[in-house]
Amino acid sequence: MGVSRLLAFPNPVNEKAARVVAGVVFALSILTLATGAYWMIAVLAYGFLARVLTGPTLSPLGRIATSLVAPRLGAPKAVPGPPKRFAQGIGAALTVAGAVLALAGGPGWIVIVLLAMMIVASGLESIFAICVGCALFARLMGLGLIPASVCAECADLSLRGERAAAIG
């Protein structure tokens, strides 16, 4: 497997797999907060970094979600990949910051706030299919801060049908 293929992010993404991943992130974030075992944020951070860099390739959770769980949830639901990668990047930033603070003995309240943000975002995604990062991505596209060329199907909804056929 070449480096460029290893570092590829799927486009389209099966939303069902993304929601499964979000559900596990939701549960692990709650468990981390409830137990005070803040070192577990490093596990979340690894998962987000792996997924933002390689999609599910180097993420055990991503691989299980895409190859084992999502196929059992029925037909795939294709959604554009770039907004999902952007959302994974936000998760990576929050969890890496939390892990660094937690492992370095930084202010505990900041770690708690970062975990709360993860709980809200992953809960919205897993339970209601509301991707906060995707909404921010769309807003940034609307403002011209992310060029339309980054995600043609985001700018042109008619292209989504073509992408859906590619994932199925």
N, C-alpha and C. Protein backbone atom coordinates (compact mmCIF):
# COMPACT_ATOMS: atom_id res chain seq x y z
N MET A 1 0.86 -1.18 0.00
CA MET A 1 0.00 0.00 0.00
C MET A 1 0.90 1.23 0.00
N GLY A 2 0.72 2.12 -0.99
CA GLY A 2 1.51 3.33 -1.08
C GLY A 2 1.08 4.35 -0.03
N VAL A 3 1.97 5.31 0.24
CA VAL A 3 1.69 6.33 1.24
C VAL A 3 0.47 7.15 0.86
N SER A 4 0.34 7.52 -0.42
CA SER A 4 -0.81 8.32 -0.81
C SER A 4 -2.12 7.57 -0.61
N ARG A 5 -2.08 6.27 -0.85
CA ARG A 5 -3.30 5.46 -0.62
C ARG A 5 -3.56 5.30 0.87
N LEU A 6 -2.49 5.12 1.64
CA LEU A 6 -2.62 4.99 3.09
C LEU A 6 -3.24 6.24 3.70
N LEU A 7 -2.83 7.40 3.20
CA LEU A 7 -3.31 8.67 3.75
C LEU A 7 -4.58 9.18 3.07
N ALA A 8 -5.26 8.30 2.35
CA ALA A 8 -6.50 8.69 1.67
C ALA A 8 -7.68 8.60 2.64
N PHE A 9 -8.61 9.50 2.48
CA PHE A 9 -9.84 9.49 3.27
C PHE A 9 -10.97 9.13 2.31
N PRO A 10 -11.86 8.23 2.70
CA PRO A 10 -12.91 7.80 1.76
C PRO A 10 -13.85 8.94 1.38
N ASN A 11 -14.27 8.91 0.14
CA ASN A 11 -15.27 9.84 -0.34
C ASN A 11 -16.05 9.12 -1.44
N PRO A 12 -17.27 8.75 -1.16
CA PRO A 12 -18.11 9.14 -0.03
C PRO A 12 -17.84 8.28 1.21
N VAL A 13 -18.51 8.68 2.28
CA VAL A 13 -18.44 7.99 3.57
C VAL A 13 -19.82 7.39 3.84
N ASN A 14 -19.85 6.21 4.41
CA ASN A 14 -21.12 5.62 4.83
C ASN A 14 -21.50 6.27 6.16
N GLU A 15 -22.57 7.06 6.13
CA GLU A 15 -22.99 7.77 7.35
C GLU A 15 -23.28 6.81 8.50
N LYS A 16 -23.73 5.61 8.18
CA LYS A 16 -24.03 4.64 9.24
C LYS A 16 -22.75 4.26 9.99
N ALA A 17 -21.65 4.09 9.27
CA ALA A 17 -20.37 3.80 9.92
C ALA A 17 -19.92 5.00 10.75
N ALA A 18 -20.09 6.21 10.21
CA ALA A 18 -19.70 7.41 10.95
C ALA A 18 -20.49 7.53 12.25
N ARG A 19 -21.76 7.18 12.21
CA ARG A 19 -22.59 7.26 13.42
C ARG A 19 -22.20 6.19 14.44
N VAL A 20 -21.78 5.03 13.96
CA VAL A 20 -21.30 3.99 14.87
C VAL A 20 -20.05 4.48 15.59
N VAL A 21 -19.11 5.04 14.84
CA VAL A 21 -17.89 5.58 15.44
C VAL A 21 -18.25 6.66 16.45
N ALA A 22 -19.15 7.54 16.08
CA ALA A 22 -19.56 8.62 16.99
C ALA A 22 -20.20 8.05 18.26
N GLY A 23 -20.95 6.97 18.14
CA GLY A 23 -21.56 6.35 19.31
C GLY A 23 -20.53 5.82 20.28
N VAL A 24 -19.46 5.21 19.76
CA VAL A 24 -18.40 4.71 20.63
C VAL A 24 -17.64 5.88 21.26
N VAL A 25 -17.38 6.92 20.48
CA VAL A 25 -16.72 8.12 21.03
C VAL A 25 -17.59 8.73 22.13
N PHE A 26 -18.88 8.77 21.91
CA PHE A 26 -19.84 9.28 22.90
C PHE A 26 -19.72 8.48 24.20
N ALA A 27 -19.78 7.16 24.10
CA ALA A 27 -19.72 6.30 25.28
C ALA A 27 -18.37 6.41 25.98
N LEU A 28 -17.29 6.41 25.22
CA LEU A 28 -15.96 6.49 25.82
C LEU A 28 -15.73 7.85 26.47
N SER A 29 -16.25 8.91 25.87
CA SER A 29 -16.12 10.24 26.46
C SER A 29 -16.87 10.33 27.79
N ILE A 30 -18.07 9.77 27.82
CA ILE A 30 -18.85 9.76 29.06
C ILE A 30 -18.13 8.93 30.12
N LEU A 31 -17.62 7.76 29.73
CA LEU A 31 -16.90 6.90 30.67
C LEU A 31 -15.66 7.61 31.23
N THR A 32 -14.94 8.30 30.36
CA THR A 32 -13.74 9.04 30.78
C THR A 32 -14.11 10.12 31.79
N LEU A 33 -15.14 10.86 31.49
CA LEU A 33 -15.58 11.92 32.39
C LEU A 33 -16.10 11.35 33.71
N ALA A 34 -16.88 10.30 33.64
CA ALA A 34 -17.49 9.71 34.85
C ALA A 34 -16.46 9.09 35.78
N THR A 35 -15.42 8.49 35.20
CA THR A 35 -14.42 7.81 36.03
C THR A 35 -13.25 8.70 36.41
N GLY A 36 -13.10 9.81 35.71
CA GLY A 36 -11.94 10.67 35.96
C GLY A 36 -10.65 10.08 35.42
N ALA A 37 -10.73 9.04 34.62
CA ALA A 37 -9.55 8.41 34.02
C ALA A 37 -9.19 9.18 32.75
N TYR A 38 -8.69 10.39 32.94
CA TYR A 38 -8.47 11.29 31.82
C TYR A 38 -7.40 10.83 30.85
N TRP A 39 -6.60 9.85 31.22
CA TRP A 39 -5.62 9.29 30.30
C TRP A 39 -6.31 8.66 29.09
N MET A 40 -7.60 8.28 29.26
CA MET A 40 -8.33 7.66 28.14
C MET A 40 -8.55 8.63 26.99
N ILE A 41 -8.37 9.92 27.24
CA ILE A 41 -8.48 10.89 26.15
C ILE A 41 -7.41 10.61 25.10
N ALA A 42 -6.27 10.08 25.54
CA ALA A 42 -5.20 9.74 24.59
C ALA A 42 -5.67 8.66 23.62
N VAL A 43 -6.51 7.73 24.08
CA VAL A 43 -7.06 6.69 23.21
C VAL A 43 -7.99 7.34 22.17
N LEU A 44 -8.83 8.26 22.63
CA LEU A 44 -9.70 8.99 21.71
C LEU A 44 -8.87 9.78 20.70
N ALA A 45 -7.82 10.43 21.19
CA ALA A 45 -6.96 11.25 20.31
C ALA A 45 -6.33 10.39 19.23
N TYR A 46 -5.81 9.21 19.61
CA TYR A 46 -5.23 8.32 18.59
C TYR A 46 -6.27 7.99 17.52
N GLY A 47 -7.47 7.63 17.95
CA GLY A 47 -8.52 7.27 16.99
C GLY A 47 -8.83 8.40 16.03
N PHE A 48 -8.97 9.61 16.56
CA PHE A 48 -9.26 10.75 15.69
C PHE A 48 -8.11 11.03 14.73
N LEU A 49 -6.87 11.00 15.25
CA LEU A 49 -5.71 11.24 14.37
C LEU A 49 -5.64 10.18 13.28
N ALA A 50 -5.85 8.93 13.65
CA ALA A 50 -5.81 7.85 12.65
C ALA A 50 -6.89 8.05 11.60
N ARG A 51 -8.10 8.40 12.04
CA ARG A 51 -9.20 8.56 11.07
C ARG A 51 -9.03 9.80 10.20
N VAL A 52 -8.54 10.90 10.75
CA VAL A 52 -8.38 12.10 9.91
C VAL A 52 -7.26 11.88 8.89
N LEU A 53 -6.25 11.11 9.25
CA LEU A 53 -5.13 10.87 8.33
C LEU A 53 -5.42 9.77 7.32
N THR A 54 -6.11 8.70 7.74
CA THR A 54 -6.24 7.52 6.89
C THR A 54 -7.66 7.00 6.76
N GLY A 55 -8.65 7.74 7.23
CA GLY A 55 -10.01 7.19 7.25
C GLY A 55 -10.02 6.02 8.21
N PRO A 56 -10.67 4.93 7.86
CA PRO A 56 -10.72 3.80 8.79
C PRO A 56 -9.47 2.90 8.76
N THR A 57 -8.55 3.14 7.85
CA THR A 57 -7.44 2.22 7.62
C THR A 57 -6.63 1.90 8.88
N LEU A 58 -6.22 2.90 9.63
CA LEU A 58 -5.40 2.69 10.83
C LEU A 58 -6.17 2.87 12.13
N SER A 59 -7.47 2.96 12.03
CA SER A 59 -8.32 3.11 13.20
C SER A 59 -9.06 1.80 13.45
N PRO A 60 -8.72 1.09 14.54
CA PRO A 60 -9.45 -0.15 14.82
C PRO A 60 -10.96 0.09 14.89
N LEU A 61 -11.37 1.16 15.54
CA LEU A 61 -12.79 1.48 15.63
C LEU A 61 -13.37 1.76 14.25
N GLY A 62 -12.66 2.52 13.43
CA GLY A 62 -13.13 2.81 12.08
C GLY A 62 -13.27 1.55 11.23
N ARG A 63 -12.33 0.64 11.37
CA ARG A 63 -12.38 -0.61 10.60
C ARG A 63 -13.56 -1.47 11.04
N ILE A 64 -13.77 -1.57 12.35
CA ILE A 64 -14.90 -2.36 12.86
C ILE A 64 -16.22 -1.74 12.42
N ALA A 65 -16.30 -0.41 12.51
CA ALA A 65 -17.54 0.28 12.13
C ALA A 65 -17.85 0.09 10.64
N THR A 66 -16.83 0.23 9.78
CA THR A 66 -17.08 0.16 8.34
C THR A 66 -17.24 -1.26 7.82
N SER A 67 -16.50 -2.21 8.40
CA SER A 67 -16.54 -3.55 7.82
C SER A 67 -17.45 -4.53 8.56
N LEU A 68 -17.71 -4.31 9.83
CA LEU A 68 -18.53 -5.26 10.59
C LEU A 68 -19.90 -4.72 10.99
N VAL A 69 -19.94 -3.54 11.57
CA VAL A 69 -21.20 -3.04 12.14
C VAL A 69 -22.10 -2.39 11.09
N ALA A 70 -21.59 -1.41 10.37
CA ALA A 70 -22.43 -0.68 9.41
C ALA A 70 -23.10 -1.58 8.37
N PRO A 71 -22.40 -2.59 7.82
CA PRO A 71 -23.08 -3.45 6.84
C PRO A 71 -24.29 -4.18 7.42
N ARG A 72 -24.31 -4.38 8.73
CA ARG A 72 -25.44 -5.06 9.37
C ARG A 72 -26.60 -4.11 9.66
N LEU A 73 -26.38 -2.82 9.39
CA LEU A 73 -27.42 -1.82 9.63
C LEU A 73 -28.23 -1.49 8.38
N GLY A 74 -28.04 -2.26 7.33
CA GLY A 74 -28.79 -2.04 6.10
C GLY A 74 -27.95 -1.36 5.04
N ALA A 75 -28.62 -0.91 4.02
CA ALA A 75 -27.95 -0.27 2.89
C ALA A 75 -27.16 0.94 3.36
N PRO A 76 -25.99 1.14 2.77
CA PRO A 76 -25.19 2.30 3.17
C PRO A 76 -25.87 3.61 2.79
N LYS A 77 -25.59 4.64 3.56
CA LYS A 77 -26.08 5.98 3.26
C LYS A 77 -24.86 6.84 2.97
N ALA A 78 -24.67 7.16 1.71
CA ALA A 78 -23.49 7.91 1.29
C ALA A 78 -23.62 9.39 1.60
N VAL A 79 -22.57 9.92 2.21
CA VAL A 79 -22.46 11.36 2.45
C VAL A 79 -21.06 11.78 2.03
N PRO A 80 -20.87 13.05 1.69
CA PRO A 80 -19.56 13.51 1.24
C PRO A 80 -18.48 13.30 2.31
N GLY A 81 -17.29 12.90 1.85
CA GLY A 81 -16.19 12.65 2.76
C GLY A 81 -15.52 13.88 3.34
N PRO A 82 -15.27 14.94 2.56
CA PRO A 82 -14.53 16.08 3.11
C PRO A 82 -15.13 16.69 4.39
N PRO A 83 -16.45 16.87 4.50
CA PRO A 83 -16.96 17.40 5.77
C PRO A 83 -16.74 16.44 6.95
N LYS A 84 -16.82 15.14 6.69
CA LYS A 84 -16.58 14.16 7.75
C LYS A 84 -15.11 14.19 8.17
N ARG A 85 -14.21 14.36 7.20
CA ARG A 85 -12.79 14.47 7.55
C ARG A 85 -12.54 15.74 8.36
N PHE A 86 -13.19 16.82 7.99
CA PHE A 86 -13.08 18.07 8.74
C PHE A 86 -13.56 17.86 10.18
N ALA A 87 -14.68 17.17 10.34
CA ALA A 87 -15.22 16.89 11.67
C ALA A 87 -14.24 16.03 12.48
N GLN A 88 -13.62 15.03 11.81
CA GLN A 88 -12.61 14.21 12.50
C GLN A 88 -11.43 15.08 12.93
N GLY A 89 -11.08 16.06 12.12
CA GLY A 89 -9.99 16.98 12.46
C GLY A 89 -10.31 17.80 13.70
N ILE A 90 -11.56 18.23 13.81
CA ILE A 90 -11.97 18.97 15.01
C ILE A 90 -11.87 18.05 16.23
N GLY A 91 -12.35 16.82 16.08
CA GLY A 91 -12.24 15.85 17.17
C GLY A 91 -10.80 15.60 17.55
N ALA A 92 -9.92 15.52 16.55
CA ALA A 92 -8.50 15.32 16.81
C ALA A 92 -7.93 16.49 17.60
N ALA A 93 -8.26 17.71 17.19
CA ALA A 93 -7.75 18.89 17.88
C ALA A 93 -8.21 18.92 19.34
N LEU A 94 -9.48 18.65 19.57
CA LEU A 94 -10.02 18.68 20.94
C LEU A 94 -9.41 17.58 21.80
N THR A 95 -9.31 16.37 21.27
CA THR A 95 -8.82 15.26 22.09
C THR A 95 -7.31 15.32 22.28
N VAL A 96 -6.56 15.77 21.28
CA VAL A 96 -5.12 15.92 21.47
C VAL A 96 -4.86 16.99 22.53
N ALA A 97 -5.57 18.10 22.46
CA ALA A 97 -5.42 19.14 23.48
C ALA A 97 -5.77 18.58 24.86
N GLY A 98 -6.86 17.84 24.94
CA GLY A 98 -7.26 17.25 26.22
C GLY A 98 -6.25 16.25 26.73
N ALA A 99 -5.70 15.42 25.83
CA ALA A 99 -4.72 14.42 26.24
C ALA A 99 -3.44 15.09 26.74
N VAL A 100 -2.98 16.10 26.02
CA VAL A 100 -1.76 16.81 26.44
C VAL A 100 -1.98 17.44 27.81
N LEU A 101 -3.11 18.11 27.98
CA LEU A 101 -3.40 18.73 29.28
C LEU A 101 -3.52 17.69 30.39
N ALA A 102 -4.25 16.61 30.12
CA ALA A 102 -4.47 15.59 31.13
C ALA A 102 -3.15 14.92 31.53
N LEU A 103 -2.34 14.56 30.54
CA LEU A 103 -1.09 13.86 30.83
C LEU A 103 -0.03 14.77 31.43
N ALA A 104 -0.14 16.08 31.15
CA ALA A 104 0.83 17.04 31.68
C ALA A 104 0.38 17.64 33.01
N GLY A 105 -0.79 17.21 33.49
CA GLY A 105 -1.29 17.75 34.76
C GLY A 105 -1.83 19.16 34.63
N GLY A 106 -2.33 19.49 33.45
CA GLY A 106 -2.89 20.83 33.21
C GLY A 106 -4.21 21.03 33.94
N PRO A 107 -4.80 22.19 33.75
CA PRO A 107 -6.07 22.50 34.44
C PRO A 107 -7.17 21.48 34.12
N GLY A 108 -7.66 20.82 35.15
CA GLY A 108 -8.67 19.78 34.99
C GLY A 108 -9.97 20.30 34.40
N TRP A 109 -10.31 21.54 34.69
CA TRP A 109 -11.58 22.07 34.20
C TRP A 109 -11.57 22.19 32.68
N ILE A 110 -10.40 22.46 32.10
CA ILE A 110 -10.32 22.56 30.64
C ILE A 110 -10.53 21.17 30.03
N VAL A 111 -9.94 20.15 30.64
CA VAL A 111 -10.11 18.78 30.16
C VAL A 111 -11.59 18.41 30.22
N ILE A 112 -12.26 18.79 31.29
CA ILE A 112 -13.69 18.50 31.44
C ILE A 112 -14.50 19.22 30.36
N VAL A 113 -14.18 20.46 30.07
CA VAL A 113 -14.88 21.22 29.03
C VAL A 113 -14.67 20.56 27.67
N LEU A 114 -13.44 20.15 27.38
CA LEU A 114 -13.15 19.48 26.10
C LEU A 114 -13.93 18.17 25.99
N LEU A 115 -13.98 17.40 27.08
CA LEU A 115 -14.76 16.16 27.07
C LEU A 115 -16.25 16.45 26.89
N ALA A 116 -16.74 17.49 27.53
CA ALA A 116 -18.15 17.86 27.38
C ALA A 116 -18.46 18.21 25.93
N MET A 117 -17.53 18.92 25.28
CA MET A 117 -17.72 19.25 23.87
C MET A 117 -17.76 17.98 23.03
N MET A 118 -16.90 17.02 23.34
CA MET A 118 -16.90 15.74 22.62
C MET A 118 -18.22 14.99 22.84
N ILE A 119 -18.71 15.02 24.07
CA ILE A 119 -19.97 14.33 24.38
C ILE A 119 -21.12 14.94 23.59
N VAL A 120 -21.19 16.26 23.57
CA VAL A 120 -22.28 16.92 22.84
C VAL A 120 -22.18 16.61 21.34
N ALA A 121 -21.01 16.81 20.76
CA ALA A 121 -20.86 16.62 19.31
C ALA A 121 -21.08 15.16 18.91
N SER A 122 -20.46 14.22 19.63
CA SER A 122 -20.61 12.81 19.26
C SER A 122 -22.02 12.31 19.55
N GLY A 123 -22.65 12.85 20.59
CA GLY A 123 -24.04 12.48 20.88
C GLY A 123 -24.98 12.95 19.79
N LEU A 124 -24.80 14.19 19.33
CA LEU A 124 -25.65 14.70 18.24
C LEU A 124 -25.47 13.86 16.98
N GLU A 125 -24.23 13.50 16.67
CA GLU A 125 -23.96 12.71 15.47
C GLU A 125 -24.54 11.30 15.60
N SER A 126 -24.24 10.64 16.70
CA SER A 126 -24.64 9.24 16.82
C SER A 126 -26.14 9.06 17.01
N ILE A 127 -26.77 9.95 17.73
CA ILE A 127 -28.19 9.79 18.04
C ILE A 127 -29.10 10.44 17.00
N PHE A 128 -28.73 11.64 16.55
CA PHE A 128 -29.63 12.42 15.68
C PHE A 128 -29.09 12.65 14.26
N ALA A 129 -27.91 12.11 13.94
CA ALA A 129 -27.27 12.32 12.63
C ALA A 129 -27.02 13.80 12.35
N ILE A 130 -26.71 14.54 13.41
CA ILE A 130 -26.36 15.95 13.27
C ILE A 130 -24.85 16.07 13.46
N CYS A 131 -24.15 16.34 12.38
CA CYS A 131 -22.69 16.44 12.42
C CYS A 131 -22.31 17.91 12.59
N VAL A 132 -21.86 18.26 13.77
CA VAL A 132 -21.50 19.65 14.08
C VAL A 132 -20.35 20.11 13.19
N GLY A 133 -19.34 19.25 13.02
CA GLY A 133 -18.20 19.60 12.16
C GLY A 133 -18.63 19.79 10.71
N CYS A 134 -19.57 18.97 10.26
CA CYS A 134 -20.07 19.09 8.88
C CYS A 134 -20.83 20.41 8.70
N ALA A 135 -21.59 20.80 9.72
CA ALA A 135 -22.33 22.07 9.66
C ALA A 135 -21.34 23.24 9.62
N LEU A 136 -20.28 23.15 10.40
CA LEU A 136 -19.25 24.19 10.40
C LEU A 136 -18.55 24.22 9.03
N PHE A 137 -18.27 23.05 8.48
CA PHE A 137 -17.66 22.95 7.15
C PHE A 137 -18.53 23.66 6.12
N ALA A 138 -19.84 23.39 6.14
CA ALA A 138 -20.77 24.02 5.20
C ALA A 138 -20.79 25.54 5.38
N ARG A 139 -20.76 25.97 6.62
CA ARG A 139 -20.75 27.42 6.91
C ARG A 139 -19.48 28.07 6.36
N LEU A 140 -18.35 27.41 6.56
CA LEU A 140 -17.08 27.93 6.06
C LEU A 140 -17.05 27.93 4.53
N MET A 141 -17.67 26.93 3.90
CA MET A 141 -17.80 26.94 2.44
C MET A 141 -18.66 28.10 1.98
N GLY A 142 -19.77 28.33 2.70
CA GLY A 142 -20.66 29.43 2.37
C GLY A 142 -19.98 30.78 2.46
N LEU A 143 -19.04 30.89 3.39
CA LEU A 143 -18.30 32.14 3.57
C LEU A 143 -17.11 32.25 2.60
N GLY A 144 -16.87 31.18 1.83
CA GLY A 144 -15.77 31.19 0.88
C GLY A 144 -14.42 30.85 1.51
N LEU A 145 -14.40 30.44 2.78
CA LEU A 145 -13.15 30.10 3.44
C LEU A 145 -12.67 28.69 3.09
N ILE A 146 -13.59 27.84 2.67
CA ILE A 146 -13.25 26.54 2.10
C ILE A 146 -13.75 26.59 0.66
N PRO A 147 -12.84 26.43 -0.31
CA PRO A 147 -13.26 26.53 -1.71
C PRO A 147 -14.20 25.39 -2.10
N ALA A 148 -15.11 25.67 -3.01
CA ALA A 148 -16.08 24.68 -3.49
C ALA A 148 -15.37 23.47 -4.10
N SER A 149 -14.16 23.66 -4.61
CA SER A 149 -13.43 22.55 -5.23
C SER A 149 -13.06 21.46 -4.22
N VAL A 150 -13.04 21.78 -2.93
CA VAL A 150 -12.71 20.80 -1.90
C VAL A 150 -13.80 19.74 -1.81
N CYS A 151 -15.01 20.16 -2.06
CA CYS A 151 -16.13 19.22 -1.95
C CYS A 151 -17.19 19.60 -2.97
N ALA A 152 -17.03 19.11 -4.19
CA ALA A 152 -17.97 19.45 -5.26
C ALA A 152 -19.38 19.00 -4.92
N GLU A 153 -19.52 17.79 -4.31
CA GLU A 153 -20.87 17.32 -3.98
C GLU A 153 -21.50 18.11 -2.85
N CYS A 154 -20.69 18.78 -2.05
CA CYS A 154 -21.25 19.64 -1.00
C CYS A 154 -21.87 20.88 -1.63
N ALA A 155 -21.23 21.37 -2.69
CA ALA A 155 -21.72 22.56 -3.36
C ALA A 155 -22.84 22.25 -4.35
N ASP A 156 -22.87 21.02 -4.89
CA ASP A 156 -23.85 20.62 -5.89
C ASP A 156 -24.54 19.34 -5.45
N LEU A 157 -25.72 19.46 -4.87
CA LEU A 157 -26.43 18.32 -4.31
C LEU A 157 -26.75 17.25 -5.35
N SER A 158 -26.80 17.61 -6.63
CA SER A 158 -27.12 16.62 -7.65
C SER A 158 -26.02 15.57 -7.79
N LEU A 159 -24.80 15.88 -7.34
CA LEU A 159 -23.70 14.93 -7.42
C LEU A 159 -23.79 13.84 -6.36
N ARG A 160 -24.62 14.02 -5.35
CA ARG A 160 -24.69 13.04 -4.26
C ARG A 160 -25.21 11.70 -4.73
N GLY A 161 -26.10 11.67 -5.69
CA GLY A 161 -26.60 10.40 -6.21
C GLY A 161 -25.50 9.59 -6.85
N GLU A 162 -24.58 10.27 -7.56
CA GLU A 162 -23.45 9.59 -8.18
C GLU A 162 -22.55 8.98 -7.10
N ARG A 163 -22.33 9.70 -6.01
CA ARG A 163 -21.47 9.23 -4.94
C ARG A 163 -22.14 8.06 -4.21
N ALA A 164 -23.44 8.11 -4.07
CA ALA A 164 -24.16 7.02 -3.38
C ALA A 164 -23.96 5.71 -4.13
N ALA A 165 -23.94 5.77 -5.43
CA ALA A 165 -23.74 4.55 -6.22
C ALA A 165 -22.32 4.01 -6.00
N ALA A 166 -21.36 4.88 -5.74
CA ALA A 166 -19.97 4.47 -5.56
C ALA A 166 -19.77 3.71 -4.25
N ILE A 167 -20.56 3.99 -3.22
CA ILE A 167 -20.37 3.35 -1.92
C ILE A 167 -21.12 2.05 -1.79
N GLY A 168 -22.17 1.88 -2.54
CA GLY A 168 -23.03 0.71 -2.41
C GLY A 168 -22.54 -0.52 -3.00
